[in-house]
Amino acid sequence: MRYPWILYLSLFFLLNGACEDSKKTVVEKTNTAVESIKIPDTTIVEPEIDKQETDGVTNPDFEKITNENVVEFLTAYGKENPETRVRITTTHGNIDIELYKDTPLHRANFIYLVKQKYFYGTFFHRVVPNFIIQAGNSDNRTTTKKRAQIGKDYLLPAELENGRIHQFGTVSGAKEYRENPDKRTAPFEFFIFLGPKSATGHLNGNYTIFGRVTSGMDVVKKIADLPADDGDWPLENIYIDAEIID
């Protein structure tokens, strides 16, 4: 072969090109806003989490809630804690909620979680524009620990007798899908509905509505419109807390 160096040079470039990694664009969820995403008129502030406070519930001496004692526990707790108004504070503003008295188990459960500081440091972890925003979960270990202390396996009996339908600003309990013919509610998560009536067909009569937003639907809409990944998890962690206001 007269020009072996040409063959060697060609092989070098061919092999080098074949081994080069192709670049993939991956958007990763972080604990702060993605730098390339600009939210107008919004300052994202991650709350300073007091480890001693958020590692456990406020009063760990309460009996753990189970499916066997849930009705008895929440009925008694509801009589002693009649509050119906809660403020959800978020990194985008406040959302005030009125809880309904004719869903007594859901109301008592929500008040219990608020007073136990369960929601502190959790997120609005699912956002769907023109549909819902859902809160009460996080990827922090403290959330799992607090659920274990409160009672990680219980579900709330459905309270659907009032015949309410989902409409702009209603607050409902999330639901366990697997083997749940009784439509019982997963106790730690809730969602706020902001979609059209045409989107309520699979919700009405299946999810317990236990409250409504009285102030802050502009905040709800702002959160719903935030960028999210393919699983509806926002690209920024939308931290929340909750307090009793009445």
Protein backbone atom coordinates (compact mmCIF):
# COMPACT_ATOMS: atom_id res chain seq x y z
CA MET A 1 0.00 0.00 0.00
CA ARG A 2 1.53 3.30 -1.12
CA TYR A 3 -0.10 5.61 1.43
CA PRO A 4 -0.67 3.66 4.65
CA TRP A 5 -0.72 6.83 6.71
CA ILE A 6 -3.91 7.92 4.96
CA LEU A 7 -5.64 4.71 6.08
CA TYR A 8 -4.43 5.11 9.68
CA LEU A 9 -5.56 8.73 9.78
CA SER A 10 -9.00 7.82 8.46
CA LEU A 11 -9.42 5.06 11.03
CA PHE A 12 -8.40 7.47 13.82
CA PHE A 13 -11.11 10.01 12.97
CA LEU A 14 -13.74 7.29 12.46
CA LEU A 15 -13.13 5.69 15.85
CA ASN A 16 -12.85 9.02 17.66
CA GLY A 17 -16.19 10.16 16.25
CA ALA A 18 -17.92 6.91 17.13
CA CYS A 19 -16.87 7.15 20.81
CA GLU A 20 -18.03 10.74 21.33
CA ASP A 21 -21.10 10.98 23.61
CA SER A 22 -24.14 12.59 22.12
CA LYS A 23 -25.40 15.43 24.34
CA LYS A 24 -28.84 15.16 25.95
CA THR A 25 -30.76 18.01 27.49
CA VAL A 26 -32.03 16.99 30.91
CA VAL A 27 -34.01 19.30 33.18
CA GLU A 28 -33.36 18.25 36.76
CA LYS A 29 -35.56 19.22 39.71
CA THR A 30 -33.58 21.09 42.35
CA ASN A 31 -34.31 22.77 45.67
CA THR A 32 -34.17 26.20 44.08
CA ALA A 33 -35.61 27.76 40.96
CA VAL A 34 -33.97 26.70 37.71
CA GLU A 35 -31.71 29.60 36.78
CA SER A 36 -32.84 29.71 33.17
CA ILE A 37 -36.49 30.14 34.16
CA LYS A 38 -37.53 33.64 35.09
CA ILE A 39 -40.73 34.09 37.09
CA PRO A 40 -41.90 37.71 36.76
CA ASP A 41 -42.55 39.61 40.00
CA THR A 42 -41.71 36.54 42.09
CA THR A 43 -38.98 35.97 44.60
CA ILE A 44 -38.37 32.30 45.38
CA VAL A 45 -37.27 31.91 48.97
CA GLU A 46 -36.56 28.51 50.45
CA PRO A 47 -37.67 28.64 54.07
CA GLU A 48 -35.12 28.02 56.77
CA ILE A 49 -36.18 24.68 58.17
CA ASP A 50 -35.70 24.19 61.88
CA LYS A 51 -34.42 20.62 62.02
CA GLN A 52 -35.61 20.07 65.57
CA GLU A 53 -39.10 21.24 64.66
CA THR A 54 -39.52 19.43 61.36
CA ASP A 55 -37.94 16.11 62.22
CA GLY A 56 -41.07 15.13 64.10
CA VAL A 57 -44.63 16.08 64.89
CA THR A 58 -45.42 18.72 67.52
CA ASN A 59 -46.92 16.21 69.92
CA PRO A 60 -45.60 12.68 69.24
CA ASP A 61 -47.46 11.39 72.32
CA PHE A 62 -50.76 11.23 70.40
CA GLU A 63 -51.99 7.76 69.56
CA LYS A 64 -51.04 6.71 66.05
CA ILE A 65 -53.97 6.81 63.65
CA THR A 66 -54.89 3.51 62.02
CA ASN A 67 -57.75 2.29 59.85
CA GLU A 68 -59.20 0.72 62.97
CA ASN A 69 -59.26 3.86 65.14
CA VAL A 70 -59.46 6.64 62.54
CA VAL A 71 -63.18 7.40 62.98
CA GLU A 72 -63.04 7.34 66.78
CA PHE A 73 -59.82 9.37 66.92
CA LEU A 74 -60.90 12.12 64.50
CA THR A 75 -64.45 12.33 65.87
CA ALA A 76 -63.07 13.02 69.35
CA TYR A 77 -60.37 15.34 68.05
CA GLY A 78 -62.86 17.28 65.96
CA LYS A 79 -65.07 17.99 68.96
CA GLU A 80 -62.12 19.44 70.85
CA ASN A 81 -60.72 21.35 67.87
CA PRO A 82 -63.59 23.08 66.02
CA GLU A 83 -61.50 25.43 63.83
CA THR A 84 -62.49 25.80 60.19
CA ARG A 85 -60.08 28.37 58.70
CA VAL A 86 -56.52 27.66 57.63
CA ARG A 87 -53.89 29.73 55.86
CA ILE A 88 -51.49 27.99 53.51
CA THR A 89 -48.33 30.04 53.12
CA THR A 90 -46.25 29.41 50.03
CA THR A 91 -43.21 30.86 48.33
CA HIS A 92 -45.64 32.62 45.97
CA GLY A 93 -48.17 34.02 48.43
CA ASN A 94 -50.92 32.98 50.85
CA ILE A 95 -53.98 30.81 50.24
CA ASP A 96 -56.82 30.97 52.80
CA ILE A 97 -59.10 27.95 53.10
CA GLU A 98 -62.45 27.41 54.78
CA LEU A 99 -63.07 23.82 55.90
CA TYR A 100 -66.60 22.39 55.79
CA LYS A 101 -68.27 21.18 58.96
CA ASP A 102 -70.34 18.59 57.09
CA THR A 103 -67.15 16.65 56.25
CA PRO A 104 -66.14 16.27 59.92
CA LEU A 105 -63.50 13.58 59.53
CA HIS A 106 -61.66 15.39 56.75
CA ARG A 107 -61.90 18.71 58.60
CA ALA A 108 -60.59 17.21 61.84
CA ASN A 109 -57.79 15.39 60.00
CA PHE A 110 -56.67 18.57 58.24
CA ILE A 111 -56.71 20.58 61.48
CA TYR A 112 -54.77 17.80 63.20
CA LEU A 113 -52.08 17.81 60.51
CA VAL A 114 -51.81 21.60 60.68
CA LYS A 115 -51.43 21.60 64.46
CA GLN A 116 -48.88 18.80 64.27
CA LYS A 117 -46.84 20.94 61.82
CA TYR A 118 -47.01 18.17 59.27
CA PHE A 119 -47.22 20.51 56.28
CA TYR A 120 -44.20 22.61 57.21
CA GLY A 121 -41.53 21.99 54.60
CA THR A 122 -43.73 19.97 52.25
CA PHE A 123 -44.47 21.13 48.71
CA PHE A 124 -47.09 21.81 46.15
CA HIS A 125 -45.67 18.81 44.33
CA ARG A 126 -48.07 18.52 41.39
CA VAL A 127 -49.17 21.41 39.16
CA VAL A 128 -51.43 21.10 36.13
CA PRO A 129 -52.48 24.37 34.42
CA ASN A 130 -56.24 24.90 34.23
CA PHE A 131 -56.84 21.79 36.35
CA ILE A 132 -55.34 21.32 39.85
CA ILE A 133 -52.46 21.96 42.19
CA GLN A 134 -51.73 19.26 44.76
CA ALA A 135 -49.82 19.57 48.05
CA GLY A 136 -48.70 17.65 51.11
CA ASN A 137 -45.77 15.61 49.84
CA SER A 138 -42.03 16.13 49.42
CA ASP A 139 -38.83 14.23 48.76
CA ASN A 140 -37.47 15.13 52.21
CA ARG A 141 -36.87 12.43 54.81
CA THR A 142 -38.69 14.51 57.43
CA THR A 143 -41.99 14.05 55.59
CA THR A 144 -41.68 10.28 55.70
CA LYS A 145 -40.74 10.44 59.38
CA LYS A 146 -43.71 12.61 60.29
CA ARG A 147 -46.09 10.33 58.40
CA ALA A 148 -44.74 7.36 60.34
CA GLN A 149 -45.27 9.19 63.65
CA ILE A 150 -48.83 10.23 62.79
CA GLY A 151 -49.85 6.93 61.19
CA LYS A 152 -48.60 6.19 57.71
CA ASP A 153 -51.14 3.57 56.64
CA TYR A 154 -54.56 5.00 57.49
CA LEU A 155 -57.15 6.26 55.02
CA LEU A 156 -60.11 8.56 55.61
CA PRO A 157 -63.63 7.26 54.95
CA ALA A 158 -65.25 9.08 52.03
CA GLU A 159 -67.66 11.89 52.97
CA LEU A 160 -69.64 12.36 49.77
CA GLU A 161 -73.19 12.61 51.08
CA ASN A 162 -73.35 16.40 50.72
CA GLY A 163 -73.39 16.08 46.94
CA ARG A 164 -70.84 18.84 46.31
CA ILE A 165 -69.22 19.13 42.91
CA HIS A 166 -65.76 20.38 42.02
CA GLN A 167 -65.61 23.99 40.99
CA PHE A 168 -63.15 26.87 40.95
CA GLY A 169 -61.42 26.89 44.34
CA THR A 170 -62.73 23.67 45.91
CA VAL A 171 -60.33 21.75 48.16
CA SER A 172 -60.41 17.95 48.01
CA GLY A 173 -58.56 15.01 49.44
CA ALA A 174 -56.29 12.97 47.22
CA LYS A 175 -57.27 9.34 46.79
CA GLU A 176 -55.58 5.96 46.80
CA TYR A 177 -56.22 4.35 43.43
CA ARG A 178 -55.22 0.77 44.11
CA GLU A 179 -57.98 -1.42 45.53
CA ASN A 180 -60.05 1.48 46.81
CA PRO A 181 -63.69 0.83 45.89
CA ASP A 182 -64.83 2.79 48.97
CA LYS A 183 -63.20 5.96 47.60
CA ARG A 184 -61.28 6.56 50.81
CA THR A 185 -58.95 9.53 51.00
CA ALA A 186 -55.18 9.49 51.42
CA PRO A 187 -54.90 11.72 54.50
CA PHE A 188 -51.70 13.69 53.89
CA GLU A 189 -52.37 15.25 50.49
CA PHE A 190 -54.98 17.63 49.12
CA PHE A 191 -55.66 19.40 45.85
CA ILE A 192 -57.22 22.68 44.83
CA PHE A 193 -59.34 22.62 41.69
CA LEU A 194 -59.21 25.47 39.19
CA GLY A 195 -60.22 23.81 35.98
CA PRO A 196 -63.38 24.02 33.88
CA LYS A 197 -66.53 22.05 34.68
CA SER A 198 -65.77 19.81 31.71
CA ALA A 199 -62.78 18.44 33.67
CA THR A 200 -64.81 17.30 36.68
CA GLY A 201 -66.42 14.16 35.30
CA HIS A 202 -64.00 11.73 36.98
CA LEU A 203 -63.73 13.85 40.15
CA ASN A 204 -67.33 14.45 41.20
CA GLY A 205 -68.62 11.73 43.46
CA ASN A 206 -65.18 10.14 43.74
CA TYR A 207 -63.11 12.64 45.74
CA THR A 208 -64.28 14.19 49.00
CA ILE A 209 -64.54 17.98 48.83
CA PHE A 210 -63.86 19.27 52.32
CA GLY A 211 -63.22 22.97 51.83
CA ARG A 212 -62.88 25.95 49.54
CA VAL A 213 -60.40 28.74 48.92
CA THR A 214 -61.70 32.04 50.27
CA SER A 215 -58.67 34.13 49.31
CA GLY A 216 -55.62 33.55 47.15
CA MET A 217 -56.89 31.97 43.95
CA ASP A 218 -54.52 34.29 42.11
CA VAL A 219 -51.70 32.49 43.96
CA VAL A 220 -53.23 29.12 43.05
CA LYS A 221 -53.28 30.07 39.38
CA LYS A 222 -49.71 31.39 39.51
CA ILE A 223 -48.52 28.09 41.00
CA ALA A 224 -50.51 26.04 38.47
CA ASP A 225 -48.81 27.86 35.61
CA LEU A 226 -45.24 27.27 36.83
CA PRO A 227 -42.99 25.12 34.62
CA ALA A 228 -43.10 21.43 35.49
CA ASP A 229 -41.55 18.18 34.28
CA ASP A 230 -43.34 15.38 32.45
CA GLY A 231 -44.68 14.06 35.77
CA ASP A 232 -46.27 17.43 36.68
CA TRP A 233 -43.64 18.00 39.41
CA PRO A 234 -42.67 21.70 39.40
CA LEU A 235 -39.11 22.50 38.36
CA GLU A 236 -38.78 24.50 41.59
CA ASN A 237 -39.79 23.26 45.02
CA ILE A 238 -42.88 25.21 46.10
CA TYR A 239 -42.53 25.04 49.88
CA ILE A 240 -45.59 25.45 52.06
CA ASP A 241 -46.62 25.81 55.68
CA ALA A 242 -50.06 25.95 57.26
CA GLU A 243 -51.54 27.74 60.28
CA ILE A 244 -54.92 28.04 61.92
CA ILE A 245 -56.47 31.49 61.49
CA ASP A 246 -59.93 30.83 63.01
